[in-house]
Amino acid sequence: MTPTTRKLNQVRNSFYVYLPRGWCEEYKLTKESEVQIERTLDGSLRISPTTTDNSDTEPLKLTLTNEQAKDIVNLLVGAYIVGTNKLELTFEDGLDMTTRGEISKWIRRLPGFEIFDEHSNSFVLSDTSEKQVITPILRQQFATTKYMLNGLLHMIESGDIENHTRIIDRDEDVDRHRYFVERLCHMILRDPAYARKIALSSPDALSFSLAAKYVERIADHICAAILELVQLKTTSPKMKKIAGDIIYVFEDTRTAFFSIDTTKRKGKKLDIAESSENALKTLNKATLLAEALQKEGSSRREKTTHEIVLFLHLERITSYCADIVEVGINRIIASGL
C-alpha cells in the first residue's frame, strides 16, 4: 500500500481512525477481530493483524539427515509444545520402518496432532484440536495421577501387585496431558488475542505449565515407587500409614490449586483470605509429611535398599505437592490484585 493520511475521529475523550478495508479483507479481519498495536522507537504506531486461526499458515519445513533423525522424538515434542500448527519433515536417506513406528507411537501422545500426509521419505503433521480446553485437560491430568496414587496405596496396604503394570501404563496419559497443557500455554503467551478468547491470563498460563510439569513428576515417582514395591515382600505399618496420608495431601493440593476455577464455575466470588489460609494449611501438611518421609528414607536401620528408595520416592511425591500448592497460593493472591 502507498502511504496515505486519514482524518482522526473523536468519540468523547478517545480518538479513532478507520483501517483500510482492503487490508482488513486481505487478513480476513472482521468486527470480532483484534489487531496488535505497538509503539516503535521513533514514536510511530505499528498495527499488525493477529488471529488465532492459523490453519492457512505454511508448515514448518525441516530436512533431516540420518544422524538428526535419531532425535525425532525430541523434535516432535518440542515442535508440539511451542505451538507449531503444521510440521513437514523430510528425511534425506528415507524413512525406515523403525523411525516410522516411533513417530506413529509418539503422535498418539500428542493430542490434536495427526499425520496429514505421508510419503516414503517425508510426512506432514497438522494440528486438528480445538485448543480451548486447558483447564479440563489439567484437571484430567490430576485425576489420572490420583488414580495411579490410589493404586500405589492399595498395593502398599494389601501387598497385591498383580495389576501394577496397568497403573504404570497410565503414565503415558499423564505425559500426554502435560504436553497439551504446555502447548496451549505457549500459544497463550505468544498470542494475546487467543489468551483473551479463552479467558486465561499469561500469569495463569505459567501457573498451569508449572502445575502440569509437577504433576507429571509425581506420576513418574509413582511408577518408580511401584517398581521398588514389586521387589519388596512386605511393607511396614508405618509405611502404610504415611502412604495413606499422601492421598489426602494430594487431594487437598488439587483443591488449593483449582480454588479460583472452582469458585468461578459456581458463579461465586473467591474469599481470598479463607482460600489462602486453607492452602497454607495444605502446604504445611505437605512439608511436614515430606520431612517425615525424608527422615524415614535416610534412616537405614532395619530397611532394605528397595524400602529406602521407596520412601525417597514417596518424599518426592509429597514435595511436588508442596510445590503445586505454592503455585496455587500465588494464583489466589494474584486474583485479588
Protein backbone atom coordinates (compact mmCIF):
# COMPACT_ATOMS: atom_id res chain seq x y z
CA MET A 1 0.00 0.00 0.00
CA THR A 2 1.17 3.54 -0.72
CA PRO A 3 1.34 5.94 2.25
CA THR A 4 -1.91 7.77 2.93
CA THR A 5 -3.39 10.06 5.53
CA ARG A 6 -6.69 9.78 7.34
CA LYS A 7 -8.59 12.22 9.47
CA LEU A 8 -8.93 11.44 13.15
CA ASN A 9 -12.44 10.97 14.52
CA GLN A 10 -13.42 11.51 18.14
CA VAL A 11 -15.83 9.79 20.47
CA ARG A 12 -15.91 11.54 23.85
CA ASN A 13 -12.28 11.63 25.02
CA SER A 14 -10.95 9.00 22.60
CA PHE A 15 -9.72 9.25 19.02
CA TYR A 16 -10.01 6.60 16.33
CA VAL A 17 -9.15 6.09 12.68
CA TYR A 18 -10.66 3.69 10.13
CA LEU A 19 -8.47 0.85 8.91
CA PRO A 20 -8.23 0.36 5.12
CA ARG A 21 -10.93 -2.08 4.03
CA GLY A 22 -8.66 -3.83 1.53
CA TRP A 23 -6.09 -4.51 4.26
CA CYS A 24 -8.79 -5.94 6.55
CA GLU A 25 -10.08 -8.19 3.79
CA GLU A 26 -6.55 -9.40 2.97
CA TYR A 27 -6.07 -10.61 6.55
CA LYS A 28 -9.70 -11.77 6.92
CA LEU A 29 -10.39 -9.30 9.73
CA THR A 30 -13.97 -8.81 10.87
CA LYS A 31 -15.65 -6.70 13.55
CA GLU A 32 -14.84 -9.52 16.01
CA SER A 33 -11.12 -9.50 15.18
CA GLU A 34 -8.33 -7.90 17.17
CA VAL A 35 -5.20 -6.10 15.99
CA GLN A 36 -1.90 -5.63 17.76
CA ILE A 37 -0.70 -2.05 18.30
CA GLU A 38 2.97 -1.39 19.05
CA ARG A 39 4.80 1.87 19.57
CA THR A 40 8.13 1.97 17.75
CA LEU A 41 11.30 3.76 18.82
CA ASP A 42 10.57 6.75 16.58
CA GLY A 43 7.15 7.23 18.17
CA SER A 44 5.13 5.70 15.35
CA LEU A 45 2.37 3.19 15.93
CA ARG A 46 2.54 -0.13 14.11
CA ILE A 47 -0.71 -2.04 13.61
CA SER A 48 -0.45 -5.77 12.90
CA PRO A 49 -3.18 -8.36 12.31
CA THR A 50 -3.43 -11.02 14.97
CA THR A 51 -5.52 -14.14 14.73
CA THR A 52 -5.93 -17.50 16.44
CA ASP A 53 -6.84 -19.15 13.14
CA ASN A 54 -3.54 -20.31 11.65
CA SER A 55 -4.99 -23.08 9.51
CA ASP A 56 -3.70 -21.44 6.33
CA THR A 57 -0.14 -20.87 7.53
CA GLU A 58 2.77 -22.53 5.80
CA PRO A 59 4.16 -25.60 7.60
CA LEU A 60 7.49 -25.57 9.39
CA LYS A 61 9.71 -27.47 6.93
CA LEU A 62 12.77 -29.39 8.11
CA THR A 63 15.09 -31.77 6.28
CA LEU A 64 16.86 -34.32 8.49
CA THR A 65 19.95 -36.42 7.99
CA ASN A 66 20.23 -39.93 9.40
CA GLU A 67 22.09 -38.58 12.43
CA GLN A 68 19.49 -35.88 13.08
CA ALA A 69 16.65 -38.40 12.66
CA LYS A 70 17.81 -40.08 15.89
CA ASP A 71 16.41 -37.06 17.77
CA ILE A 72 13.00 -37.25 16.07
CA VAL A 73 11.11 -37.67 19.37
CA ASN A 74 12.64 -34.55 20.93
CA LEU A 75 11.91 -32.66 17.72
CA LEU A 76 8.27 -33.75 17.62
CA VAL A 77 7.61 -32.93 21.27
CA GLY A 78 9.43 -29.60 21.04
CA ALA A 79 7.54 -28.50 17.91
CA TYR A 80 4.25 -29.55 19.51
CA ILE A 81 4.83 -27.76 22.81
CA VAL A 82 5.80 -24.42 21.25
CA GLY A 83 2.56 -24.44 19.23
CA THR A 84 3.64 -25.42 15.72
CA ASN A 85 0.47 -25.77 13.64
CA LYS A 86 1.98 -27.71 10.72
CA LEU A 87 5.25 -29.62 10.60
CA GLU A 88 6.72 -31.08 7.42
CA LEU A 89 9.69 -33.39 7.90
CA THR A 90 11.78 -34.78 5.06
CA PHE A 91 14.40 -37.49 5.60
CA GLU A 92 17.40 -37.30 3.26
CA ASP A 93 18.07 -41.04 3.47
CA GLY A 94 14.46 -42.19 3.51
CA LEU A 95 12.17 -43.11 6.38
CA ASP A 96 12.81 -46.60 7.76
CA MET A 97 10.12 -48.69 9.43
CA THR A 98 11.61 -48.29 12.92
CA THR A 99 11.56 -44.50 12.73
CA ARG A 100 8.10 -44.55 11.17
CA GLY A 101 6.81 -46.69 14.03
CA GLU A 102 8.41 -44.40 16.62
CA ILE A 103 6.74 -41.39 15.01
CA SER A 104 3.32 -43.08 14.98
CA LYS A 105 3.69 -44.07 18.63
CA TRP A 106 4.53 -40.53 19.72
CA ILE A 107 1.79 -38.92 17.64
CA ARG A 108 -0.72 -40.76 19.83
CA ARG A 109 0.79 -38.99 22.83
CA LEU A 110 0.33 -35.50 21.35
CA PRO A 111 -3.38 -34.57 21.48
CA GLY A 112 -4.58 -32.80 18.35
CA PHE A 113 -1.56 -33.75 16.22
CA GLU A 114 -2.39 -36.02 13.30
CA ILE A 115 -0.43 -37.28 10.27
CA PHE A 116 -1.93 -35.20 7.48
CA ASP A 117 0.19 -36.51 4.58
CA GLU A 118 2.78 -39.27 4.35
CA HIS A 119 5.31 -40.40 1.75
CA SER A 120 8.28 -42.76 1.59
CA ASN A 121 10.72 -40.11 2.81
CA SER A 122 8.51 -37.44 4.40
CA PHE A 123 5.33 -36.71 6.30
CA VAL A 124 3.29 -33.68 7.33
CA LEU A 125 1.74 -33.24 10.78
CA SER A 126 -1.21 -30.93 11.27
CA ASP A 127 -2.99 -29.71 14.39
CA THR A 128 -6.66 -30.69 14.44
CA SER A 129 -7.51 -29.73 18.04
CA GLU A 130 -9.86 -27.01 19.24
CA LYS A 131 -7.18 -25.71 21.63
CA GLN A 132 -9.69 -24.37 24.15
CA VAL A 133 -9.77 -26.98 26.92
CA ILE A 134 -6.70 -26.22 29.03
CA THR A 135 -8.41 -26.29 32.46
CA PRO A 136 -10.31 -29.59 31.87
CA ILE A 137 -7.13 -31.18 30.49
CA LEU A 138 -5.13 -30.16 33.57
CA ARG A 139 -7.91 -31.42 35.83
CA GLN A 140 -7.83 -34.74 33.96
CA GLN A 141 -4.08 -34.93 34.48
CA PHE A 142 -4.62 -34.52 38.23
CA ALA A 143 -7.39 -37.16 38.16
CA THR A 144 -5.27 -39.72 36.31
CA THR A 145 -2.38 -39.17 38.71
CA LYS A 146 -4.70 -39.60 41.69
CA TYR A 147 -5.86 -42.91 40.20
CA MET A 148 -2.21 -44.00 40.00
CA LEU A 149 -1.58 -42.83 43.55
CA ASN A 150 -4.59 -44.76 44.82
CA GLY A 151 -3.26 -47.82 43.00
CA LEU A 152 0.10 -47.44 44.71
CA LEU A 153 -1.59 -47.07 48.10
CA HIS A 154 -3.67 -50.21 47.51
CA MET A 155 -0.52 -52.14 46.68
CA ILE A 156 1.22 -50.92 49.84
CA GLU A 157 -1.77 -51.77 52.04
CA SER A 158 -2.72 -55.12 50.51
CA GLY A 159 0.53 -56.39 49.05
CA ASP A 160 -1.38 -57.18 45.84
CA ILE A 161 0.92 -56.27 42.93
CA GLU A 162 -0.88 -58.22 40.24
CA ASN A 163 -2.09 -55.15 38.31
CA HIS A 164 0.95 -52.94 38.80
CA THR A 165 1.72 -52.70 35.06
CA ARG A 166 -1.76 -51.32 34.35
CA ILE A 167 -1.10 -48.48 36.77
CA ILE A 168 2.29 -47.73 35.25
CA ASP A 169 0.75 -47.69 31.76
CA ARG A 170 -1.39 -44.69 32.77
CA ASP A 171 1.78 -42.61 33.00
CA GLU A 172 1.55 -42.11 29.23
CA ASP A 173 -1.79 -40.35 29.69
CA VAL A 174 -0.25 -38.02 32.27
CA ASP A 175 2.62 -37.22 29.89
CA ARG A 176 0.21 -36.55 27.04
CA HIS A 177 -1.82 -34.14 29.14
CA ARG A 178 1.31 -32.30 30.19
CA TYR A 179 2.38 -31.81 26.56
CA PHE A 180 -1.07 -30.48 25.68
CA VAL A 181 -1.15 -28.02 28.59
CA GLU A 182 2.35 -26.78 27.76
CA ARG A 183 1.37 -26.33 24.11
CA LEU A 184 -1.66 -24.24 24.99
CA CYS A 185 0.37 -22.17 27.45
CA HIS A 186 2.90 -21.34 24.73
CA MET A 187 0.05 -20.29 22.43
CA ILE A 188 -1.41 -18.04 25.12
CA LEU A 189 1.91 -16.34 25.80
CA ARG A 190 2.54 -15.86 22.08
CA ASP A 191 -0.92 -14.63 21.11
CA PRO A 192 -2.69 -12.15 23.46
CA ALA A 193 -5.85 -12.36 21.35
CA TYR A 194 -6.05 -16.11 21.89
CA ALA A 195 -5.45 -15.62 25.62
CA ARG A 196 -8.40 -13.23 25.79
CA LYS A 197 -10.52 -15.59 23.71
CA ILE A 198 -10.21 -18.40 26.25
CA ALA A 199 -10.09 -16.00 29.24
CA LEU A 200 -6.74 -17.15 30.60
CA SER A 201 -4.06 -14.64 31.58
CA SER A 202 -0.34 -15.02 30.96
CA PRO A 203 0.42 -15.49 34.71
CA ASP A 204 -2.22 -18.23 34.86
CA ALA A 205 -0.68 -19.87 31.79
CA LEU A 206 2.69 -20.00 33.57
CA SER A 207 0.99 -21.43 36.68
CA PHE A 208 -0.75 -24.12 34.63
CA SER A 209 2.51 -25.00 32.89
CA LEU A 210 4.32 -25.41 36.23
CA ALA A 211 1.48 -27.47 37.72
CA ALA A 212 1.39 -29.77 34.69
CA LYS A 213 5.13 -30.35 34.98
CA TYR A 214 4.95 -31.07 38.73
CA VAL A 215 2.01 -33.47 38.31
CA GLU A 216 3.96 -35.32 35.63
CA ARG A 217 6.90 -35.62 38.03
CA ILE A 218 4.56 -37.04 40.68
CA ALA A 219 3.35 -39.68 38.21
CA ASP A 220 6.96 -40.57 37.36
CA HIS A 221 7.77 -41.12 41.04
CA ILE A 222 4.61 -43.20 41.49
CA CYS A 223 5.83 -45.51 38.71
CA ALA A 224 9.30 -45.71 40.24
CA ALA A 225 7.82 -46.40 43.69
CA ILE A 226 5.70 -49.22 42.25
CA LEU A 227 8.77 -50.86 40.73
CA GLU A 228 10.52 -50.74 44.11
CA LEU A 229 7.41 -52.07 45.83
CA VAL A 230 7.32 -55.07 43.49
CA GLN A 231 10.73 -56.07 44.87
CA LEU A 232 9.52 -55.94 48.48
CA LYS A 233 7.92 -58.92 50.20
CA THR A 234 6.23 -56.93 52.98
CA THR A 235 5.70 -53.31 53.94
CA SER A 236 5.81 -51.85 57.43
CA PRO A 237 2.74 -50.43 59.23
CA LYS A 238 4.47 -47.04 59.31
CA MET A 239 4.78 -47.02 55.53
CA LYS A 240 1.09 -47.92 55.18
CA LYS A 241 0.10 -45.05 57.48
CA ILE A 242 2.29 -42.48 55.72
CA ALA A 243 1.21 -43.60 52.26
CA GLY A 244 -2.42 -43.09 53.28
CA ASP A 245 -1.62 -39.53 54.35
CA ILE A 246 -0.19 -38.78 50.89
CA ILE A 247 -3.58 -39.38 49.25
CA TYR A 248 -5.22 -36.71 51.42
CA VAL A 249 -2.38 -34.25 50.80
CA PHE A 250 -2.66 -34.77 47.05
CA GLU A 251 -6.42 -34.19 47.07
CA ASP A 252 -6.01 -31.04 49.20
CA THR A 253 -3.31 -29.92 46.76
CA ARG A 254 -5.69 -30.23 43.84
CA THR A 255 -8.37 -28.32 45.75
CA ALA A 256 -5.95 -25.50 46.59
CA PHE A 257 -4.67 -25.11 43.04
CA PHE A 258 -8.14 -25.05 41.43
CA SER A 259 -9.85 -22.99 44.17
CA ILE A 260 -10.15 -19.97 41.84
CA ASP A 261 -11.53 -22.01 38.93
CA THR A 262 -13.97 -23.95 41.13
CA THR A 263 -15.34 -20.74 42.62
CA LYS A 264 -15.79 -19.15 39.18
CA ARG A 265 -17.55 -22.24 37.89
CA LYS A 266 -20.06 -21.96 40.74
CA GLY A 267 -20.62 -18.28 39.97
CA LYS A 268 -19.32 -17.18 43.36
CA LYS A 269 -16.65 -14.71 44.48
CA LEU A 270 -13.41 -16.14 45.86
CA ASP A 271 -12.75 -15.48 49.55
CA ILE A 272 -9.04 -14.77 49.23
CA ALA A 273 -8.33 -14.82 52.97
CA GLU A 274 -10.09 -18.14 53.55
CA SER A 275 -8.65 -19.78 50.41
CA SER A 276 -5.14 -18.62 51.29
CA GLU A 277 -5.47 -19.94 54.83
CA ASN A 278 -6.66 -23.35 53.60
CA ALA A 279 -3.87 -23.51 51.02
CA LEU A 280 -1.25 -22.62 53.64
CA LYS A 281 -2.55 -25.43 55.87
CA THR A 282 -2.16 -27.85 52.97
CA LEU A 283 1.35 -26.54 52.31
CA ASN A 284 2.26 -27.12 55.94
CA LYS A 285 0.87 -30.68 55.85
CA ALA A 286 2.78 -31.48 52.67
CA THR A 287 6.02 -30.02 54.04
CA LEU A 288 5.81 -31.91 57.35
CA LEU A 289 4.94 -35.15 55.58
CA ALA A 290 7.84 -34.73 53.15
CA GLU A 291 10.20 -34.16 56.08
CA ALA A 292 8.91 -37.31 57.82
CA LEU A 293 9.38 -39.37 54.67
CA GLN A 294 12.85 -37.97 54.09
CA LYS A 295 13.77 -38.87 57.66
CA GLU A 296 12.47 -42.41 57.21
CA GLY A 297 14.33 -42.80 53.93
CA SER A 298 17.62 -41.60 55.39
CA SER A 299 17.29 -43.98 58.36
CA ARG A 300 18.73 -47.27 57.11
CA ARG A 301 18.07 -49.23 60.28
CA GLU A 302 16.23 -52.50 59.53
CA LYS A 303 15.39 -51.40 55.98
CA THR A 304 16.20 -52.99 52.67
CA THR A 305 17.56 -50.91 49.80
CA HIS A 306 14.21 -51.14 48.00
CA GLU A 307 12.36 -49.86 51.07
CA ILE A 308 14.75 -46.92 51.45
CA VAL A 309 14.36 -45.93 47.81
CA LEU A 310 10.58 -46.34 48.08
CA PHE A 311 10.46 -43.90 50.97
CA LEU A 312 12.50 -41.40 48.95
CA HIS A 313 10.08 -41.64 46.01
CA LEU A 314 7.17 -41.01 48.38
CA GLU A 315 9.04 -38.00 49.74
CA ARG A 316 9.45 -36.57 46.23
CA ILE A 317 5.72 -37.06 45.55
CA THR A 318 4.86 -35.05 48.65
CA SER A 319 7.45 -32.37 47.89
CA TYR A 320 5.96 -31.82 44.44
CA CYS A 321 2.55 -31.47 46.11
CA ALA A 322 4.04 -28.65 48.17
CA ASP A 323 5.39 -27.03 45.00
CA ILE A 324 1.94 -27.15 43.38
CA VAL A 325 0.31 -25.63 46.46
CA GLU A 326 2.80 -22.75 46.36
CA VAL A 327 1.80 -22.07 42.77
CA GLY A 328 -1.85 -22.22 43.84
CA ILE A 329 -1.23 -19.72 46.64
CA ASN A 330 0.34 -17.33 44.13
CA ARG A 331 -2.76 -17.67 41.94
CA ILE A 332 -5.06 -16.94 44.89
CA ILE A 333 -3.13 -13.84 45.92
CA ALA A 334 -2.83 -12.56 42.35
CA SER A 335 -6.60 -12.88 41.86
CA GLY A 336 -7.08 -10.10 44.41
CA LEU A 337 -4.76 -7.62 42.72
